[in-house]
Amino acid sequence: MGKSTHQNVEFRTIDGVALRGWLFPVAGPAPAIIMSHGFNCVKEMTLPDIAEWFHAHGYNVVLYDARSVGTSEGLPRNQIDPLQMAEDLCDIVTHVSELECVDPRRVLLWGMSFGGMVSGCAAAVDSRPRAVIMVAPIFSFIKPERRRNTFAHLIRDRVSQLHGNEPLSLPPFNSKGENIAGFGGAGGPGGLEAYNLMRAAAESGGGAVTSGFRDKITLQTFHKLALARPSELLDMVDPRTAVMMVVPELDDISDPAEQQAAFARLGTASNSKSSSPRKLHLAKGKGHLTIMTGDGSHELLEEMHAFFKDVLDT
């Protein structure tokens, strides 16, 4: 990270779980961006530089660890539940809106990968955020041909837990980039990229590791994923909520066609004064894990900033 200073913050969910993160404050009341990270990641991975960029452009920024990962509470550890995470994000919106440095009428959501999907699901029910940016969101989790075997494993694990055993945990990707559900580009280049990302974090000796990163998820994570239909929720997003989706052209973890189909569920904003813009940005030549780095990343940040600014100025 650069020179921006952040404060440690803690937010309690409606069921009393402490979610911990960083606040990059500006003199307020000012807009606030709440940033949500990727699948089984922690706040130290990828996003701090982006948080600092937005902070330098006048935004309060909150970057947090999701329930059961990193420094946040939640049991079982590393049980990734997208709908629960969306509910938790609504509670974070409440807490952030009450900070003295934040203008509660100008709260914004920004999420990458799994966090982009979670941000969209939160906005489907919570109309308080003025705008949402979803970067390379993931919308499908269990391949049809993997369902029977995956679900059988899930039920055996549930039976085992009922008999007093600990929840089964496993790496989200093995060394071949595979997982039991075929999730996240498993079995292809995307799965290998995800495996390498997780291993690099686990072996870094600092940063993500010291903040509680674990290269494991509970097997029951796939039960939570199996019951989630996030793309179907997007048509519930309030027309007054502005939405930008960034789709990497070469995404091999989340199918670009699925992302664009999910965006289409948002509908097209009408010319009514009560409607807010819907913007689809196709990032040419970019992949899932390279979308915010390298050539074109600064220009993309500028475009996101312009999108937020246009929404806030109306």
C-alpha atoms as a PDB file:
ATOM      1  CA  MET A   1       0.000   0.000   0.000  1.00  0.00           C
ATOM      2  CA  GLY A   2       0.987   3.629  -0.389  1.00  0.00           C
ATOM      3  CA  LYS A   3       0.814   6.575   1.977  1.00  0.00           C
ATOM      4  CA  SER A   4      -2.901   6.577   2.790  1.00  0.00           C
ATOM      5  CA  THR A   5      -3.675   6.028   6.435  1.00  0.00           C
ATOM      6  CA  HIS A   6      -6.474   3.791   7.560  1.00  0.00           C
ATOM      7  CA  GLN A   7      -8.199   3.035  10.826  1.00  0.00           C
ATOM      8  CA  ASN A   8      -9.244  -0.361  12.085  1.00  0.00           C
ATOM      9  CA  VAL A   9     -13.033  -0.613  12.315  1.00  0.00           C
ATOM     10  CA  GLU A  10     -15.503  -3.198  13.570  1.00  0.00           C
ATOM     11  CA  PHE A  11     -19.150  -3.559  12.624  1.00  0.00           C
ATOM     12  CA  ARG A  12     -21.657  -5.875  14.326  1.00  0.00           C
ATOM     13  CA  THR A  13     -24.193  -7.723  12.204  1.00  0.00           C
ATOM     14  CA  ILE A  14     -27.803  -8.184  13.236  1.00  0.00           C
ATOM     15  CA  ASP A  15     -26.860 -11.567  14.774  1.00  0.00           C
ATOM     16  CA  GLY A  16     -23.896 -10.152  16.677  1.00  0.00           C
ATOM     17  CA  VAL A  17     -20.991 -11.243  14.473  1.00  0.00           C
ATOM     18  CA  ALA A  18     -18.094  -8.771  14.369  1.00  0.00           C
ATOM     19  CA  LEU A  19     -16.937  -7.883  10.870  1.00  0.00           C
ATOM     20  CA  ARG A  20     -13.570  -6.138  10.896  1.00  0.00           C
ATOM     21  CA  GLY A  21     -11.875  -4.005   8.322  1.00  0.00           C
ATOM     22  CA  TRP A  22     -10.222  -0.719   7.469  1.00  0.00           C
ATOM     23  CA  LEU A  23     -11.649   2.763   7.104  1.00  0.00           C
ATOM     24  CA  PHE A  24      -9.823   5.249   4.904  1.00  0.00           C
ATOM     25  CA  PRO A  25     -11.500   8.468   6.100  1.00  0.00           C
ATOM     26  CA  VAL A  26     -11.756  11.888   4.503  1.00  0.00           C
ATOM     27  CA  ALA A  27     -13.092  15.127   5.935  1.00  0.00           C
ATOM     28  CA  GLY A  28     -16.831  14.888   5.768  1.00  0.00           C
ATOM     29  CA  PRO A  29     -19.579  14.444   5.440  1.00  0.00           C
ATOM     30  CA  ALA A  30     -18.429  12.869   2.173  1.00  0.00           C
ATOM     31  CA  PRO A  31     -19.338   9.884  -0.021  1.00  0.00           C
ATOM     32  CA  ALA A  32     -18.305   6.409   1.127  1.00  0.00           C
ATOM     33  CA  ILE A  33     -17.413   3.348  -0.937  1.00  0.00           C
ATOM     34  CA  ILE A  34     -17.805  -0.069   0.700  1.00  0.00           C
ATOM     35  CA  MET A  35     -15.520  -2.580  -1.020  1.00  0.00           C
ATOM     36  CA  SER A  36     -16.150  -6.349  -0.991  1.00  0.00           C
ATOM     37  CA  HIS A  37     -13.397  -8.834  -1.829  1.00  0.00           C
ATOM     38  CA  GLY A  38     -13.309 -12.063  -3.817  1.00  0.00           C
ATOM     39  CA  PHE A  39     -14.053 -15.683  -2.943  1.00  0.00           C
ATOM     40  CA  ASN A  40     -12.307 -16.769   0.279  1.00  0.00           C
ATOM     41  CA  CYS A  41      -9.992 -13.769   0.002  1.00  0.00           C
ATOM     42  CA  VAL A  42      -9.135 -11.239   2.697  1.00  0.00           C
ATOM     43  CA  LYS A  43      -9.006  -7.466   2.528  1.00  0.00           C
ATOM     44  CA  GLU A  44      -5.230  -7.413   2.067  1.00  0.00           C
ATOM     45  CA  MET A  45      -5.470  -9.188  -1.290  1.00  0.00           C
ATOM     46  CA  THR A  46      -5.625  -7.000  -4.414  1.00  0.00           C
ATOM     47  CA  LEU A  47      -7.930  -4.273  -3.124  1.00  0.00           C
ATOM     48  CA  PRO A  48      -5.889  -1.938  -0.846  1.00  0.00           C
ATOM     49  CA  ASP A  49      -4.289  -0.078  -3.768  1.00  0.00           C
ATOM     50  CA  ILE A  50      -7.728   0.478  -5.309  1.00  0.00           C
ATOM     51  CA  ALA A  51      -9.064   1.662  -1.960  1.00  0.00           C
ATOM     52  CA  GLU A  52      -6.220   4.154  -1.705  1.00  0.00           C
ATOM     53  CA  TRP A  53      -6.898   5.416  -5.229  1.00  0.00           C
ATOM     54  CA  PHE A  54     -10.535   6.145  -4.427  1.00  0.00           C
ATOM     55  CA  HIS A  55      -9.511   7.656  -1.083  1.00  0.00           C
ATOM     56  CA  ALA A  56      -7.152  10.036  -2.875  1.00  0.00           C
ATOM     57  CA  HIS A  57     -10.099  11.133  -5.027  1.00  0.00           C
ATOM     58  CA  GLY A  58     -12.197  12.243  -2.078  1.00  0.00           C
ATOM     59  CA  TYR A  59     -14.076   9.154  -0.952  1.00  0.00           C
ATOM     60  CA  ASN A  60     -14.273   7.535   2.436  1.00  0.00           C
ATOM     61  CA  VAL A  61     -13.465   3.887   1.759  1.00  0.00           C
ATOM     62  CA  VAL A  62     -14.325   0.840   3.863  1.00  0.00           C
ATOM     63  CA  LEU A  63     -12.552  -2.410   3.045  1.00  0.00           C
ATOM     64  CA  TYR A  64     -13.602  -5.356   5.203  1.00  0.00           C
ATOM     65  CA  ASP A  65     -13.170  -9.093   5.732  1.00  0.00           C
ATOM     66  CA  ALA A  66     -16.351 -11.053   5.086  1.00  0.00           C
ATOM     67  CA  ARG A  67     -17.920 -13.251   7.746  1.00  0.00           C
ATOM     68  CA  SER A  68     -15.741 -16.226   8.778  1.00  0.00           C
ATOM     69  CA  VAL A  69     -12.627 -15.101   6.894  1.00  0.00           C
ATOM     70  CA  GLY A  70      -9.591 -13.049   7.846  1.00  0.00           C
ATOM     71  CA  THR A  71      -9.964 -10.960  10.980  1.00  0.00           C
ATOM     72  CA  SER A  72     -13.764 -11.138  11.058  1.00  0.00           C
ATOM     73  CA  GLU A  73     -15.738 -13.435  13.330  1.00  0.00           C
ATOM     74  CA  GLY A  74     -18.002 -16.230  12.160  1.00  0.00           C
ATOM     75  CA  LEU A  75     -18.154 -19.996  12.532  1.00  0.00           C
ATOM     76  CA  PRO A  76     -17.475 -22.373  10.931  1.00  0.00           C
ATOM     77  CA  ARG A  77     -14.367 -20.622   9.660  1.00  0.00           C
ATOM     78  CA  ASN A  78     -14.208 -20.053   5.907  1.00  0.00           C
ATOM     79  CA  GLN A  79     -17.775 -21.067   5.235  1.00  0.00           C
ATOM     80  CA  ILE A  80     -18.594 -18.864   2.264  1.00  0.00           C
ATOM     81  CA  ASP A  81     -22.306 -18.076   2.089  1.00  0.00           C
ATOM     82  CA  PRO A  82     -23.189 -15.497  -0.588  1.00  0.00           C
ATOM     83  CA  LEU A  83     -26.685 -14.663   0.645  1.00  0.00           C
ATOM     84  CA  GLN A  84     -25.510 -14.315   4.245  1.00  0.00           C
ATOM     85  CA  MET A  85     -22.720 -12.074   3.026  1.00  0.00           C
ATOM     86  CA  ALA A  86     -25.277  -9.911   1.203  1.00  0.00           C
ATOM     87  CA  GLU A  87     -27.264  -9.556   4.437  1.00  0.00           C
ATOM     88  CA  ASP A  88     -24.070  -8.675   6.303  1.00  0.00           C
ATOM     89  CA  LEU A  89     -23.281  -6.011   3.712  1.00  0.00           C
ATOM     90  CA  CYS A  90     -26.641  -4.367   4.425  1.00  0.00           C
ATOM     91  CA  ASP A  91     -25.621  -4.138   8.102  1.00  0.00           C
ATOM     92  CA  ILE A  92     -22.281  -2.607   7.097  1.00  0.00           C
ATOM     93  CA  VAL A  93     -24.189   0.006   5.079  1.00  0.00           C
ATOM     94  CA  THR A  94     -26.069   0.929   8.255  1.00  0.00           C
ATOM     95  CA  HIS A  95     -22.908   1.331  10.325  1.00  0.00           C
ATOM     96  CA  VAL A  96     -21.024   3.224   7.628  1.00  0.00           C
ATOM     97  CA  SER A  97     -23.971   5.573   7.123  1.00  0.00           C
ATOM     98  CA  GLU A  98     -23.737   6.530  10.792  1.00  0.00           C
ATOM     99  CA  LEU A  99     -20.047   7.538  10.683  1.00  0.00           C
ATOM    100  CA  GLU A 100     -19.480  11.273  11.170  1.00  0.00           C
ATOM    101  CA  CYS A 101     -17.268  11.478   8.086  1.00  0.00           C
ATOM    102  CA  VAL A 102     -19.924   9.913   5.831  1.00  0.00           C
ATOM    103  CA  ASP A 103     -22.869  11.493   4.059  1.00  0.00           C
ATOM    104  CA  PRO A 104     -25.516   8.758   4.486  1.00  0.00           C
ATOM    105  CA  ARG A 105     -27.204   9.803   1.253  1.00  0.00           C
ATOM    106  CA  ARG A 106     -24.023   9.041  -0.716  1.00  0.00           C
ATOM    107  CA  VAL A 107     -23.070   5.467   0.149  1.00  0.00           C
ATOM    108  CA  LEU A 108     -21.733   3.382  -2.730  1.00  0.00           C
ATOM    109  CA  LEU A 109     -20.957  -0.324  -3.187  1.00  0.00           C
ATOM    110  CA  TRP A 110     -17.971  -1.721  -5.082  1.00  0.00           C
ATOM    111  CA  GLY A 111     -17.207  -5.428  -5.336  1.00  0.00           C
ATOM    112  CA  MET A 112     -14.811  -7.614  -7.274  1.00  0.00           C
ATOM    113  CA  SER A 113     -15.470 -11.175  -8.428  1.00  0.00           C
ATOM    114  CA  PHE A 114     -17.494 -12.945  -5.708  1.00  0.00           C
ATOM    115  CA  GLY A 115     -17.719  -9.617  -3.886  1.00  0.00           C
ATOM    116  CA  GLY A 116     -19.229  -8.015  -6.976  1.00  0.00           C
ATOM    117  CA  MET A 117     -22.011 -10.583  -6.952  1.00  0.00           C
ATOM    118  CA  VAL A 118     -22.540 -10.078  -3.200  1.00  0.00           C
ATOM    119  CA  SER A 119     -22.785  -6.311  -3.732  1.00  0.00           C
ATOM    120  CA  GLY A 120     -25.424  -6.811  -6.407  1.00  0.00           C
ATOM    121  CA  CYS A 121     -27.433  -9.153  -4.179  1.00  0.00           C
ATOM    122  CA  ALA A 122     -27.304  -6.651  -1.324  1.00  0.00           C
ATOM    123  CA  ALA A 123     -28.571  -3.902  -3.629  1.00  0.00           C
ATOM    124  CA  ALA A 124     -31.452  -6.132  -4.721  1.00  0.00           C
ATOM    125  CA  VAL A 125     -33.023  -5.632  -1.289  1.00  0.00           C
ATOM    126  CA  ASP A 126     -31.308  -2.543   0.105  1.00  0.00           C
ATOM    127  CA  SER A 127     -32.058   0.619  -1.884  1.00  0.00           C
ATOM    128  CA  ARG A 128     -29.963   2.907   0.337  1.00  0.00           C
ATOM    129  CA  PRO A 129     -26.729   2.700  -1.711  1.00  0.00           C
ATOM    130  CA  ARG A 130     -26.816   5.223  -4.529  1.00  0.00           C
ATOM    131  CA  ALA A 131     -24.764   3.084  -6.892  1.00  0.00           C
ATOM    132  CA  VAL A 132     -23.119  -0.312  -7.278  1.00  0.00           C
ATOM    133  CA  ILE A 133     -20.092  -1.294  -9.332  1.00  0.00           C
ATOM    134  CA  MET A 134     -19.678  -5.031  -9.942  1.00  0.00           C
ATOM    135  CA  VAL A 135     -16.293  -6.035 -11.348  1.00  0.00           C
ATOM    136  CA  ALA A 136     -16.123  -9.503 -12.950  1.00  0.00           C
ATOM    137  CA  PRO A 137     -18.997 -10.863 -10.829  1.00  0.00           C
ATOM    138  CA  ILE A 138     -19.548 -14.614 -10.503  1.00  0.00           C
ATOM    139  CA  PHE A 139     -23.099 -15.916 -10.926  1.00  0.00           C
ATOM    140  CA  SER A 140     -22.936 -19.729 -11.240  1.00  0.00           C
ATOM    141  CA  PHE A 141     -21.286 -22.223  -8.938  1.00  0.00           C
ATOM    142  CA  ILE A 142     -22.152 -25.906  -9.394  1.00  0.00           C
ATOM    143  CA  LYS A 143     -21.809 -27.401 -12.861  1.00  0.00           C
ATOM    144  CA  PRO A 144     -24.861 -29.538 -13.730  1.00  0.00           C
ATOM    145  CA  GLU A 145     -22.761 -32.635 -14.393  1.00  0.00           C
ATOM    146  CA  ARG A 146     -21.126 -32.251 -10.955  1.00  0.00           C
ATOM    147  CA  ARG A 147     -24.318 -31.904  -8.925  1.00  0.00           C
ATOM    148  CA  ARG A 148     -25.015 -35.538  -8.017  1.00  0.00           C
ATOM    149  CA  ASN A 149     -21.516 -36.240  -6.734  1.00  0.00           C
ATOM    150  CA  THR A 150     -21.147 -32.854  -5.020  1.00  0.00           C
ATOM    151  CA  PHE A 151     -24.493 -33.074  -3.263  1.00  0.00           C
ATOM    152  CA  ALA A 152     -23.787 -36.626  -2.083  1.00  0.00           C
ATOM    153  CA  HIS A 153     -20.567 -35.399  -0.459  1.00  0.00           C
ATOM    154  CA  LEU A 154     -22.431 -32.501   1.147  1.00  0.00           C
ATOM    155  CA  ILE A 155     -25.014 -34.755   2.719  1.00  0.00           C
ATOM    156  CA  ARG A 156     -22.393 -37.201   4.026  1.00  0.00           C
ATOM    157  CA  ASP A 157     -20.623 -34.271   5.675  1.00  0.00           C
ATOM    158  CA  ARG A 158     -23.862 -33.050   7.248  1.00  0.00           C
ATOM    159  CA  VAL A 159     -24.543 -36.522   8.620  1.00  0.00           C
ATOM    160  CA  SER A 160     -21.002 -36.645   9.979  1.00  0.00           C
ATOM    161  CA  GLN A 161     -21.433 -33.303  11.741  1.00  0.00           C
ATOM    162  CA  LEU A 162     -24.694 -34.478  13.304  1.00  0.00           C
ATOM    163  CA  HIS A 163     -22.691 -37.365  14.781  1.00  0.00           C
ATOM    164  CA  GLY A 164     -20.346 -34.892  16.462  1.00  0.00           C
ATOM    165  CA  ASN A 165     -17.555 -34.568  13.919  1.00  0.00           C
ATOM    166  CA  GLU A 166     -15.958 -31.302  12.797  1.00  0.00           C
ATOM    167  CA  PRO A 167     -17.027 -29.740   9.484  1.00  0.00           C
ATOM    168  CA  LEU A 168     -14.955 -31.004   6.585  1.00  0.00           C
ATOM    169  CA  SER A 169     -12.720 -28.374   4.991  1.00  0.00           C
ATOM    170  CA  LEU A 170     -10.730 -28.519   1.768  1.00  0.00           C
ATOM    171  CA  PRO A 171      -8.789 -26.149  -0.510  1.00  0.00           C
ATOM    172  CA  PRO A 172     -11.066 -24.284  -2.924  1.00  0.00           C
ATOM    173  CA  PHE A 173      -8.774 -25.414  -5.764  1.00  0.00           C
ATOM    174  CA  ASN A 174      -6.278 -28.260  -5.917  1.00  0.00           C
ATOM    175  CA  SER A 175      -2.911 -28.132  -7.689  1.00  0.00           C
ATOM    176  CA  LYS A 176      -4.621 -28.946 -10.985  1.00  0.00           C
ATOM    177  CA  GLY A 177      -7.012 -26.009 -10.581  1.00  0.00           C
ATOM    178  CA  GLU A 178      -9.910 -28.372  -9.889  1.00  0.00           C
ATOM    179  CA  ASN A 179     -12.661 -28.580  -7.281  1.00  0.00           C
ATOM    180  CA  ILE A 180     -15.555 -30.916  -6.664  1.00  0.00           C
ATOM    181  CA  ALA A 181     -18.211 -28.555  -8.037  1.00  0.00           C
ATOM    182  CA  GLY A 182     -16.462 -27.271 -11.156  1.00  0.00           C
ATOM    183  CA  PHE A 183     -16.675 -23.777  -9.686  1.00  0.00           C
ATOM    184  CA  GLY A 184     -14.619 -20.745 -10.687  1.00  0.00           C
ATOM    185  CA  GLY A 185     -13.064 -22.014 -13.896  1.00  0.00           C
ATOM    186  CA  ALA A 186     -12.119 -25.333 -12.293  1.00  0.00           C
ATOM    187  CA  GLY A 187     -10.235 -27.695 -14.581  1.00  0.00           C
ATOM    188  CA  GLY A 188      -9.094 -24.932 -16.923  1.00  0.00           C
ATOM    189  CA  PRO A 189      -6.722 -21.969 -17.001  1.00  0.00           C
ATOM    190  CA  GLY A 190      -8.986 -19.986 -14.665  1.00  0.00           C
ATOM    191  CA  GLY A 191      -8.886 -22.669 -12.010  1.00  0.00           C
ATOM    192  CA  LEU A 192      -5.091 -22.762 -12.168  1.00  0.00           C
ATOM    193  CA  GLU A 193      -4.946 -18.976 -11.887  1.00  0.00           C
ATOM    194  CA  ALA A 194      -7.184 -19.120  -8.818  1.00  0.00           C
ATOM    195  CA  TYR A 195      -5.081 -21.909  -7.289  1.00  0.00           C
ATOM    196  CA  ASN A 196      -1.897 -19.893  -7.795  1.00  0.00           C
ATOM    197  CA  LEU A 197      -3.493 -16.804  -6.262  1.00  0.00           C
ATOM    198  CA  MET A 198      -4.527 -18.748  -3.152  1.00  0.00           C
ATOM    199  CA  ARG A 199      -1.169 -20.489  -2.797  1.00  0.00           C
ATOM    200  CA  ALA A 200       0.717 -17.229  -3.194  1.00  0.00           C
ATOM    201  CA  ALA A 201      -1.349 -15.702  -0.399  1.00  0.00           C
ATOM    202  CA  ALA A 202      -0.868 -18.749   1.834  1.00  0.00           C
ATOM    203  CA  GLU A 203       2.896 -18.790   1.300  1.00  0.00           C
ATOM    204  CA  SER A 204       3.569 -15.045   1.393  1.00  0.00           C
ATOM    205  CA  GLY A 205       4.625 -15.009   5.041  1.00  0.00           C
ATOM    206  CA  GLY A 206       2.830 -11.733   5.684  1.00  0.00           C
ATOM    207  CA  GLY A 207      -0.050  -9.554   4.549  1.00  0.00           C
ATOM    208  CA  ALA A 208      -2.883 -11.964   3.885  1.00  0.00           C
ATOM    209  CA  VAL A 209      -1.375 -14.655   6.112  1.00  0.00           C
ATOM    210  CA  THR A 210      -0.972 -12.474   9.173  1.00  0.00           C
ATOM    211  CA  SER A 211      -4.555 -11.326   8.750  1.00  0.00           C
ATOM    212  CA  GLY A 212      -5.989 -14.809   8.983  1.00  0.00           C
ATOM    213  CA  PHE A 213      -6.050 -16.018   5.386  1.00  0.00           C
ATOM    214  CA  ARG A 214      -6.690 -19.774   5.074  1.00  0.00           C
ATOM    215  CA  ASP A 215      -6.448 -21.670   1.813  1.00  0.00           C
ATOM    216  CA  LYS A 216      -9.441 -23.781   2.820  1.00  0.00           C
ATOM    217  CA  ILE A 217     -13.216 -23.583   2.737  1.00  0.00           C
ATOM    218  CA  THR A 218     -15.825 -25.773   4.381  1.00  0.00           C
ATOM    219  CA  LEU A 219     -17.387 -28.383   2.153  1.00  0.00           C
ATOM    220  CA  GLN A 220     -20.752 -26.925   3.200  1.00  0.00           C
ATOM    221  CA  THR A 221     -19.770 -23.784   1.306  1.00  0.00           C
ATOM    222  CA  PHE A 222     -20.935 -25.642  -1.784  1.00  0.00           C
ATOM    223  CA  HIS A 223     -24.312 -26.241  -0.129  1.00  0.00           C
ATOM    224  CA  LYS A 224     -24.682 -22.476   0.305  1.00  0.00           C
ATOM    225  CA  LEU A 225     -23.595 -21.898  -3.283  1.00  0.00           C
ATOM    226  CA  ALA A 226     -25.978 -24.540  -4.623  1.00  0.00           C
ATOM    227  CA  LEU A 227     -28.984 -22.765  -3.143  1.00  0.00           C
ATOM    228  CA  ALA A 228     -27.998 -19.291  -4.354  1.00  0.00           C
ATOM    229  CA  ARG A 229     -29.404 -17.879  -7.587  1.00  0.00           C
ATOM    230  CA  PRO A 230     -27.808 -14.426  -7.576  1.00  0.00           C
ATOM    231  CA  SER A 231     -28.461 -13.434 -11.175  1.00  0.00           C
ATOM    232  CA  GLU A 232     -32.189 -13.889 -10.596  1.00  0.00           C
ATOM    233  CA  LEU A 233     -32.078 -11.305  -7.821  1.00  0.00           C
ATOM    234  CA  LEU A 234     -30.774  -8.510 -10.012  1.00  0.00           C
ATOM    235  CA  ASP A 235     -34.166  -7.706 -11.481  1.00  0.00           C
ATOM    236  CA  MET A 236     -35.168  -6.601  -7.966  1.00  0.00           C
ATOM    237  CA  VAL A 237     -32.562  -3.807  -7.877  1.00  0.00           C
ATOM    238  CA  ASP A 238     -34.395  -0.512  -7.430  1.00  0.00           C
ATOM    239  CA  PRO A 239     -34.510   1.554 -10.652  1.00  0.00           C
ATOM    240  CA  ARG A 240     -33.144   4.470  -8.627  1.00  0.00           C
ATOM    241  CA  THR A 241     -29.923   2.547  -7.899  1.00  0.00           C
ATOM    242  CA  ALA A 242     -27.250   3.137 -10.522  1.00  0.00           C
ATOM    243  CA  VAL A 243     -25.366   0.015 -11.601  1.00  0.00           C
ATOM    244  CA  MET A 244     -22.126  -0.455 -13.522  1.00  0.00           C
ATOM    245  CA  MET A 245     -20.875  -3.917 -14.428  1.00  0.00           C
ATOM    246  CA  VAL A 246     -17.331  -4.453 -15.675  1.00  0.00           C
ATOM    247  CA  VAL A 247     -16.959  -7.650 -17.712  1.00  0.00           C
ATOM    248  CA  PRO A 248     -13.448  -8.841 -18.626  1.00  0.00           C
ATOM    249  CA  GLU A 249     -13.462  -9.979 -22.242  1.00  0.00           C
ATOM    250  CA  LEU A 250     -11.126 -12.918 -21.515  1.00  0.00           C
ATOM    251  CA  ASP A 251     -12.551 -13.953 -18.151  1.00  0.00           C
ATOM    252  CA  ASP A 252     -11.927 -17.687 -17.670  1.00  0.00           C
ATOM    253  CA  ILE A 253     -13.229 -17.837 -14.083  1.00  0.00           C
ATOM    254  CA  SER A 254     -16.645 -16.222 -14.593  1.00  0.00           C
ATOM    255  CA  ASP A 255     -18.142 -16.679 -18.061  1.00  0.00           C
ATOM    256  CA  PRO A 256     -18.437 -13.250 -19.750  1.00  0.00           C
ATOM    257  CA  ALA A 257     -21.686 -14.363 -21.398  1.00  0.00           C
ATOM    258  CA  GLU A 258     -23.180 -15.185 -17.986  1.00  0.00           C
ATOM    259  CA  GLN A 259     -22.108 -11.797 -16.662  1.00  0.00           C
ATOM    260  CA  GLN A 260     -23.727 -10.000 -19.575  1.00  0.00           C
ATOM    261  CA  ALA A 261     -26.910 -12.072 -19.224  1.00  0.00           C
ATOM    262  CA  ALA A 262     -27.061 -11.127 -15.548  1.00  0.00           C
ATOM    263  CA  PHE A 263     -26.609  -7.472 -16.461  1.00  0.00           C
ATOM    264  CA  ALA A 264     -29.546  -7.747 -18.869  1.00  0.00           C
ATOM    265  CA  ARG A 265     -31.786  -8.700 -15.927  1.00  0.00           C
ATOM    266  CA  LEU A 266     -31.262  -5.213 -14.546  1.00  0.00           C
ATOM    267  CA  GLY A 267     -33.234  -3.788 -17.430  1.00  0.00           C
ATOM    268  CA  THR A 268     -32.535  -0.540 -19.169  1.00  0.00           C
ATOM    269  CA  ALA A 269     -33.086   2.631 -17.214  1.00  0.00           C
ATOM    270  CA  SER A 270     -35.920   4.695 -18.653  1.00  0.00           C
ATOM    271  CA  ASN A 271     -35.863   8.407 -19.234  1.00  0.00           C
ATOM    272  CA  SER A 272     -37.851   8.892 -16.055  1.00  0.00           C
ATOM    273  CA  LYS A 273     -36.258  11.198 -13.501  1.00  0.00           C
ATOM    274  CA  SER A 274     -36.682   8.411 -10.945  1.00  0.00           C
ATOM    275  CA  SER A 275     -34.409   6.014 -12.891  1.00  0.00           C
ATOM    276  CA  SER A 276     -30.631   5.769 -12.623  1.00  0.00           C
ATOM    277  CA  PRO A 277     -28.144   4.626 -15.257  1.00  0.00           C
ATOM    278  CA  ARG A 278     -27.158   1.064 -16.052  1.00  0.00           C
ATOM    279  CA  LYS A 279     -23.721   0.809 -17.628  1.00  0.00           C
ATOM    280  CA  LEU A 280     -21.997  -2.273 -19.056  1.00  0.00           C
ATOM    281  CA  HIS A 281     -18.261  -1.966 -19.643  1.00  0.00           C
ATOM    282  CA  LEU A 282     -16.551  -4.720 -21.637  1.00  0.00           C
ATOM    283  CA  ALA A 283     -12.850  -4.696 -20.729  1.00  0.00           C
ATOM    284  CA  LYS A 284     -11.064  -5.707 -23.913  1.00  0.00           C
ATOM    285  CA  GLY A 285      -8.111  -8.044 -23.527  1.00  0.00           C
ATOM    286  CA  LYS A 286      -8.588  -8.409 -19.756  1.00  0.00           C
ATOM    287  CA  GLY A 287      -8.978 -11.530 -17.646  1.00  0.00           C
ATOM    288  CA  HIS A 288     -10.618 -12.138 -14.290  1.00  0.00           C
ATOM    289  CA  LEU A 289      -7.497 -11.655 -12.193  1.00  0.00           C
ATOM    290  CA  THR A 290      -5.921  -8.953 -14.380  1.00  0.00           C
ATOM    291  CA  ILE A 291      -8.923  -6.669 -14.680  1.00  0.00           C
ATOM    292  CA  MET A 292      -7.623  -4.082 -12.193  1.00  0.00           C
ATOM    293  CA  THR A 293      -3.900  -4.320 -12.966  1.00  0.00           C
ATOM    294  CA  GLY A 294      -1.591  -3.442 -15.840  1.00  0.00           C
ATOM    295  CA  ASP A 295      -2.473  -1.556 -18.988  1.00  0.00           C
ATOM    296  CA  GLY A 296      -5.823   0.150 -18.893  1.00  0.00           C
ATOM    297  CA  SER A 297      -6.362  -0.194 -15.140  1.00  0.00           C
ATOM    298  CA  HIS A 298      -5.905   3.515 -14.430  1.00  0.00           C
ATOM    299  CA  GLU A 299      -8.331   4.414 -17.198  1.00  0.00           C
ATOM    300  CA  LEU A 300     -10.852   1.953 -15.782  1.00  0.00           C
ATOM    301  CA  LEU A 301     -10.564   3.520 -12.329  1.00  0.00           C
ATOM    302  CA  GLU A 302     -11.135   6.920 -13.884  1.00  0.00           C
ATOM    303  CA  GLU A 303     -14.237   5.597 -15.625  1.00  0.00           C
ATOM    304  CA  MET A 304     -15.556   4.182 -12.336  1.00  0.00           C
ATOM    305  CA  HIS A 305     -14.875   7.483 -10.611  1.00  0.00           C
ATOM    306  CA  ALA A 306     -16.725   9.357 -13.367  1.00  0.00           C
ATOM    307  CA  PHE A 307     -19.665   6.950 -13.028  1.00  0.00           C
ATOM    308  CA  PHE A 308     -19.881   7.488  -9.275  1.00  0.00           C
ATOM    309  CA  LYS A 309     -19.471  11.245  -9.666  1.00  0.00           C
ATOM    310  CA  ASP A 310     -22.218  11.496 -12.275  1.00  0.00           C
ATOM    311  CA  VAL A 311     -24.585   9.600  -9.974  1.00  0.00           C
ATOM    312  CA  LEU A 312     -23.725  11.713  -6.938  1.00  0.00           C
ATOM    313  CA  ASP A 313     -24.055  14.965  -8.862  1.00  0.00           C
ATOM    314  CA  THR A 314     -27.639  14.243  -9.929  1.00  0.00           C
END
